[in-house]
Amino acid sequence: MGSIIEVFPRNDAGRPLRRNIALGTEPVSATGAPKVRATRLVDYAAIRALQREAHPRGAGFTLQQLESRRRAFPDGQLVAERDGQIVGAASALVVQWDDYALHPTWKAVTGDGYFSTHDTVGLTLYGADVVIDIGRHGAGAGRALFQAQRRLCRKLNLRRIISAVHLGAYHEHRDEMSPELYAQRVIWGDLFDPQLRLHLAHGFQYCGILRDYHPEDLESHGNAALVVWLNPFHTPDEPPALRSDSFSSADSSWSGAPPLVLHPKGSMDGSL
């Protein structure tokens, strides 16, 4: 994830001038660092709007996927909020990476985006998606979300965070170079790819290219960059916290609540 398609006019600083699609208002000057919290049902519309704007060629999250993720692993579903607006979101689950390492694909690792593969005995926090408000890049939303994921990784005593990063600008260079060379040139600073540079800037290590990771991803032509962050505080002699009955979610507000009614066309009964 992370392609930026410039369809809006730009200001003198080179930033896109646009309306805030998620809330339908003009951008306003923000104060303070973004605050990260667990995703709530009422955030779904804003998350989907951010993704549609960042990835206009992508299929986007469905309401069913977002709710399934929140029910599977609420602690892994995060939003960054600033001045009352959602400016970023990140979604993660826990997996046994060895089960997928030989040929990981988005559908296999994430259960086709529903997180049915979330595994409480896993040792890897898998960062499935990150989306940032394209009008507020540099405002700290990405940093805040990655810091929250690292705190979660340490809290659960997991070995690492792994992500397969969307190469949003690769389609512009596909005829000139392989995805491997493209990633190398992004690392060297010759090319700019928002998502890969974002991950590298926040401590992730580049491990290589996953071909055919997500064939439906037209911008990346199915490719993704495999990156990893190793938890320096991981204690192998202690089991991950998710195996313990004493672990409780930071946001289990949905527990015991009536099930969300999702209609075929994606509307939510009595919500938003």
Protein backbone atom coordinates (compact mmCIF):
# COMPACT_ATOMS: atom_id res chain seq x y z
CA MET A 1 0.00 0.00 0.00
CA GLY A 2 1.00 3.59 -0.17
CA SER A 3 0.84 4.82 -3.76
CA ILE A 4 0.21 8.54 -4.13
CA ILE A 5 -1.61 9.50 -7.31
CA GLU A 6 -1.43 13.27 -7.74
CA VAL A 7 -4.85 14.26 -8.98
CA PHE A 8 -5.07 17.53 -7.04
CA PRO A 9 -3.34 20.89 -7.60
CA ARG A 10 -0.23 21.55 -5.53
CA ASN A 11 0.73 24.45 -3.31
CA ASP A 12 4.05 26.30 -3.19
CA ALA A 13 5.51 23.66 -0.88
CA GLY A 14 4.70 20.94 -3.38
CA ARG A 15 1.91 19.39 -1.28
CA PRO A 16 -1.45 18.44 -2.83
CA LEU A 17 -4.28 20.87 -2.26
CA ARG A 18 -7.47 18.92 -1.79
CA ARG A 19 -10.60 18.44 0.22
CA ASN A 20 -10.57 16.00 3.09
CA ILE A 21 -12.60 13.25 1.45
CA ALA A 22 -13.06 11.33 4.69
CA LEU A 23 -14.93 14.18 6.36
CA GLY A 24 -15.82 16.42 3.43
CA THR A 25 -14.08 19.52 4.75
CA GLU A 26 -11.17 21.66 3.69
CA PRO A 27 -7.79 20.76 5.23
CA VAL A 28 -7.06 22.66 8.39
CA SER A 29 -3.82 23.35 10.17
CA ALA A 30 -3.22 20.66 12.79
CA THR A 31 -1.53 20.99 16.13
CA GLY A 32 0.27 18.36 18.17
CA ALA A 33 1.29 14.83 17.31
CA PRO A 34 -1.28 12.32 16.08
CA LYS A 35 -2.80 10.10 18.77
CA VAL A 36 -3.10 6.38 18.11
CA ARG A 37 -6.01 4.36 19.39
CA ALA A 38 -7.83 1.12 18.63
CA THR A 39 -10.10 1.14 15.60
CA ARG A 40 -13.81 1.51 16.25
CA LEU A 41 -16.76 0.65 14.09
CA VAL A 42 -17.48 4.34 13.48
CA ASP A 43 -13.99 4.73 11.92
CA TYR A 44 -14.66 2.44 8.97
CA ALA A 45 -15.97 5.11 6.61
CA ALA A 46 -12.93 7.34 7.19
CA ILE A 47 -10.51 4.41 6.75
CA ARG A 48 -12.12 3.40 3.47
CA ALA A 49 -12.06 7.01 2.25
CA LEU A 50 -8.33 7.28 2.99
CA GLN A 51 -7.67 4.08 1.10
CA ARG A 52 -9.75 5.09 -1.91
CA GLU A 53 -7.82 8.35 -2.14
CA ALA A 54 -4.39 6.76 -1.71
CA HIS A 55 -5.16 3.78 -3.99
CA PRO A 56 -7.79 4.83 -6.53
CA ARG A 57 -6.99 1.79 -8.69
CA GLY A 58 -7.36 -0.68 -5.83
CA ALA A 59 -10.41 -2.65 -4.73
CA GLY A 60 -10.28 -1.24 -1.21
CA PHE A 61 -11.33 -2.74 2.10
CA THR A 62 -14.88 -3.99 2.50
CA LEU A 63 -16.88 -3.36 5.64
CA GLN A 64 -16.97 -7.11 6.22
CA GLN A 65 -13.18 -7.30 6.13
CA LEU A 66 -12.73 -4.41 8.54
CA GLU A 67 -15.17 -5.84 11.06
CA SER A 68 -13.74 -9.36 10.72
CA ARG A 69 -10.26 -7.99 11.46
CA ARG A 70 -11.45 -6.09 14.50
CA ARG A 71 -13.15 -9.16 15.90
CA ALA A 72 -10.20 -11.44 15.16
CA PHE A 73 -7.53 -9.21 16.72
CA PRO A 74 -8.76 -5.82 17.98
CA ASP A 75 -5.35 -4.82 19.36
CA GLY A 76 -3.85 -4.99 15.87
CA GLN A 77 -6.34 -2.55 14.32
CA LEU A 78 -5.19 1.02 14.87
CA VAL A 79 -6.02 4.53 13.71
CA ALA A 80 -4.06 7.77 14.04
CA GLU A 81 -6.24 10.72 14.95
CA ARG A 82 -5.39 14.41 14.82
CA ASP A 83 -7.70 17.30 15.57
CA GLY A 84 -10.62 14.88 15.59
CA GLN A 85 -9.86 13.52 12.11
CA ILE A 86 -8.57 10.10 11.10
CA VAL A 87 -5.23 10.74 9.36
CA GLY A 88 -3.93 7.17 9.15
CA ALA A 89 -4.71 3.54 9.87
CA ALA A 90 -2.74 0.33 10.28
CA SER A 91 -3.93 -3.25 10.41
CA ALA A 92 -1.99 -6.26 11.71
CA LEU A 93 -2.44 -9.86 12.83
CA VAL A 94 -0.24 -12.50 14.45
CA VAL A 95 0.96 -15.44 12.33
CA GLN A 96 3.39 -18.33 12.31
CA TRP A 97 5.64 -16.95 9.60
CA ASP A 98 7.21 -20.35 8.90
CA ASP A 99 3.85 -21.48 7.54
CA TYR A 100 4.07 -18.88 4.75
CA ALA A 101 7.76 -18.02 4.35
CA LEU A 102 8.43 -20.15 1.23
CA HIS A 103 5.73 -18.48 -0.89
CA PRO A 104 3.78 -15.80 0.97
CA THR A 105 0.78 -14.23 -0.73
CA TRP A 106 -1.60 -11.58 0.55
CA LYS A 107 -4.58 -13.93 0.38
CA ALA A 108 -2.81 -16.76 2.18
CA VAL A 109 -1.27 -14.73 5.00
CA THR A 110 -4.28 -12.52 5.70
CA GLY A 111 -7.08 -14.98 4.96
CA ASP A 112 -8.10 -12.89 1.94
CA GLY A 113 -8.13 -9.80 4.13
CA TYR A 114 -10.44 -11.22 6.83
CA PHE A 115 -7.65 -12.24 9.28
CA SER A 116 -9.08 -15.73 9.72
CA THR A 117 -5.40 -16.77 9.83
CA HIS A 118 -4.74 -14.86 13.09
CA ASP A 119 -2.78 -17.33 15.25
CA THR A 120 -2.38 -16.87 19.00
CA VAL A 121 0.67 -19.15 19.05
CA GLY A 122 2.44 -17.20 16.32
CA LEU A 123 5.66 -15.27 16.85
CA THR A 124 5.29 -12.68 14.08
CA LEU A 125 3.19 -9.54 14.01
CA TYR A 126 2.25 -9.21 10.35
CA GLY A 127 1.59 -5.65 9.21
CA ALA A 128 -1.02 -6.23 6.53
CA ASP A 129 -1.93 -2.64 5.63
CA VAL A 130 -0.94 0.94 6.36
CA VAL A 131 -2.71 3.92 4.85
CA ILE A 132 -1.87 7.58 5.49
CA ASP A 133 -3.81 10.73 4.58
CA ILE A 134 -1.94 11.85 1.46
CA GLY A 135 -2.48 15.51 2.32
CA ARG A 136 -0.71 15.10 5.67
CA HIS A 137 2.42 13.15 4.81
CA GLY A 138 5.18 14.27 7.13
CA ALA A 139 2.73 15.05 9.93
CA GLY A 140 3.78 12.03 11.99
CA ALA A 141 0.88 9.62 11.43
CA GLY A 142 3.11 6.89 10.02
CA ARG A 143 5.63 7.27 12.84
CA ALA A 144 2.90 7.11 15.48
CA LEU A 145 1.34 3.99 13.97
CA PHE A 146 4.67 2.15 13.64
CA GLN A 147 5.60 3.07 17.22
CA ALA A 148 2.29 1.65 18.40
CA GLN A 149 2.91 -1.57 16.47
CA ARG A 150 6.36 -1.91 18.00
CA ARG A 151 4.91 -1.42 21.48
CA LEU A 152 2.36 -4.13 20.73
CA CYS A 153 5.09 -6.45 19.46
CA ARG A 154 7.09 -5.96 22.67
CA LYS A 155 4.01 -6.30 24.87
CA LEU A 156 3.15 -9.64 23.26
CA ASN A 157 6.80 -10.82 23.32
CA LEU A 158 6.76 -11.47 19.57
CA ARG A 159 9.96 -12.00 17.64
CA ARG A 160 9.40 -9.47 14.85
CA ILE A 161 7.13 -7.40 12.66
CA ILE A 162 7.00 -8.39 9.00
CA SER A 163 5.29 -6.51 6.19
CA ALA A 164 4.98 -6.94 2.45
CA VAL A 165 5.08 -3.36 1.22
CA HIS A 166 3.00 -2.16 -1.71
CA LEU A 167 5.20 -0.60 -4.43
CA GLY A 168 2.84 2.12 -5.49
CA ALA A 169 4.96 3.79 -8.16
CA TYR A 170 6.43 0.66 -9.75
CA HIS A 171 3.90 0.71 -12.59
CA GLU A 172 5.59 3.89 -13.84
CA HIS A 173 8.92 2.07 -14.20
CA ARG A 174 7.88 -1.47 -15.06
CA ASP A 175 9.07 -1.26 -18.68
CA GLU A 176 12.47 0.05 -17.58
CA MET A 177 13.46 -2.22 -14.69
CA SER A 178 12.67 -5.24 -12.57
CA PRO A 179 10.95 -4.80 -9.20
CA GLU A 180 14.25 -5.77 -7.55
CA LEU A 181 16.12 -2.95 -9.27
CA TYR A 182 13.25 -0.58 -8.54
CA ALA A 183 13.44 -1.35 -4.81
CA GLN A 184 17.23 -0.96 -4.84
CA ARG A 185 16.97 2.45 -6.48
CA VAL A 186 14.40 3.54 -3.90
CA ILE A 187 16.82 2.46 -1.15
CA TRP A 188 19.67 4.33 -2.85
CA GLY A 189 17.54 7.47 -3.09
CA ASP A 190 17.30 7.54 -6.89
CA LEU A 191 13.56 6.92 -6.89
CA PHE A 192 10.79 7.71 -4.44
CA ASP A 193 8.23 5.16 -3.31
CA PRO A 194 6.10 6.45 -0.40
CA GLN A 195 5.38 3.18 1.37
CA LEU A 196 8.82 1.59 1.03
CA ARG A 197 10.59 4.78 2.10
CA LEU A 198 8.17 5.13 5.01
CA HIS A 199 9.00 1.66 6.31
CA LEU A 200 12.75 2.07 5.82
CA ALA A 201 12.68 5.42 7.62
CA HIS A 202 11.13 3.77 10.66
CA GLY A 203 13.55 0.94 11.25
CA PHE A 204 12.39 -1.80 8.88
CA GLN A 205 15.03 -3.76 6.97
CA TYR A 206 14.56 -4.60 3.32
CA CYS A 207 14.71 -8.37 2.66
CA GLY A 208 13.80 -8.73 -1.01
CA ILE A 209 10.93 -8.78 -3.49
CA LEU A 210 7.89 -11.05 -3.28
CA ARG A 211 6.64 -11.70 -6.80
CA ASP A 212 2.97 -12.57 -7.29
CA TYR A 213 2.27 -11.55 -3.73
CA HIS A 214 -0.92 -9.70 -4.64
CA PRO A 215 -1.79 -10.20 -8.34
CA GLU A 216 -4.78 -7.85 -8.05
CA ASP A 217 -2.47 -4.97 -7.09
CA LEU A 218 -2.22 -3.16 -10.42
CA GLU A 219 0.12 -0.41 -9.21
CA SER A 220 2.72 -2.88 -7.96
CA HIS A 221 1.99 -5.42 -10.73
CA GLY A 222 1.58 -8.04 -8.04
CA ASN A 223 4.96 -7.35 -6.41
CA ALA A 224 5.74 -6.36 -2.83
CA ALA A 225 8.87 -5.53 -0.86
CA LEU A 226 9.43 -7.81 2.13
CA VAL A 227 10.60 -5.85 5.18
CA VAL A 228 11.20 -6.82 8.81
CA TRP A 229 11.70 -5.17 12.19
CA LEU A 230 13.28 -7.37 14.87
CA ASN A 231 12.12 -6.98 18.44
CA PRO A 232 15.30 -6.42 20.50
CA PHE A 233 13.41 -7.26 23.70
CA HIS A 234 12.06 -10.62 22.55
CA THR A 235 12.60 -13.29 25.20
CA PRO A 236 12.64 -16.75 23.57
CA ASP A 237 12.28 -18.54 26.91
CA GLU A 238 8.94 -16.88 27.59
CA PRO A 239 5.81 -17.68 25.54
CA PRO A 240 4.06 -14.92 23.57
CA ALA A 241 1.53 -13.09 25.70
CA LEU A 242 -1.33 -14.10 23.38
CA ARG A 243 -0.94 -17.68 24.62
CA SER A 244 -1.73 -16.56 28.14
CA ASP A 245 -5.31 -16.48 29.35
CA SER A 246 -4.41 -13.34 31.28
CA PHE A 247 -3.96 -11.28 28.12
CA SER A 248 -6.89 -8.98 27.47
CA SER A 249 -7.52 -6.75 24.50
CA ALA A 250 -7.06 -3.00 24.81
CA ASP A 251 -10.33 -2.57 22.93
CA SER A 252 -12.78 -5.40 23.45
CA SER A 253 -15.81 -3.13 23.35
CA TRP A 254 -17.43 -5.33 20.71
CA SER A 255 -17.43 -8.37 23.02
CA GLY A 256 -20.96 -9.33 23.92
CA ALA A 257 -22.43 -6.71 21.63
CA PRO A 258 -25.05 -7.60 19.01
CA PRO A 259 -23.44 -8.72 15.73
CA LEU A 260 -22.95 -6.08 13.08
CA VAL A 261 -25.41 -6.48 10.21
CA LEU A 262 -23.61 -6.13 6.90
CA HIS A 263 -25.77 -5.96 3.82
CA PRO A 264 -24.65 -7.30 0.44
CA LYS A 265 -23.88 -3.90 -1.02
CA GLY A 266 -21.65 -2.96 1.90
CA SER A 267 -23.99 -0.73 3.90
CA MET A 268 -24.10 -1.13 7.65
CA ASP A 269 -27.42 -1.41 9.44
CA GLY A 270 -27.69 1.33 12.04
CA SER A 271 -24.10 2.52 11.78
CA LEU A 272 -22.16 5.48 10.45
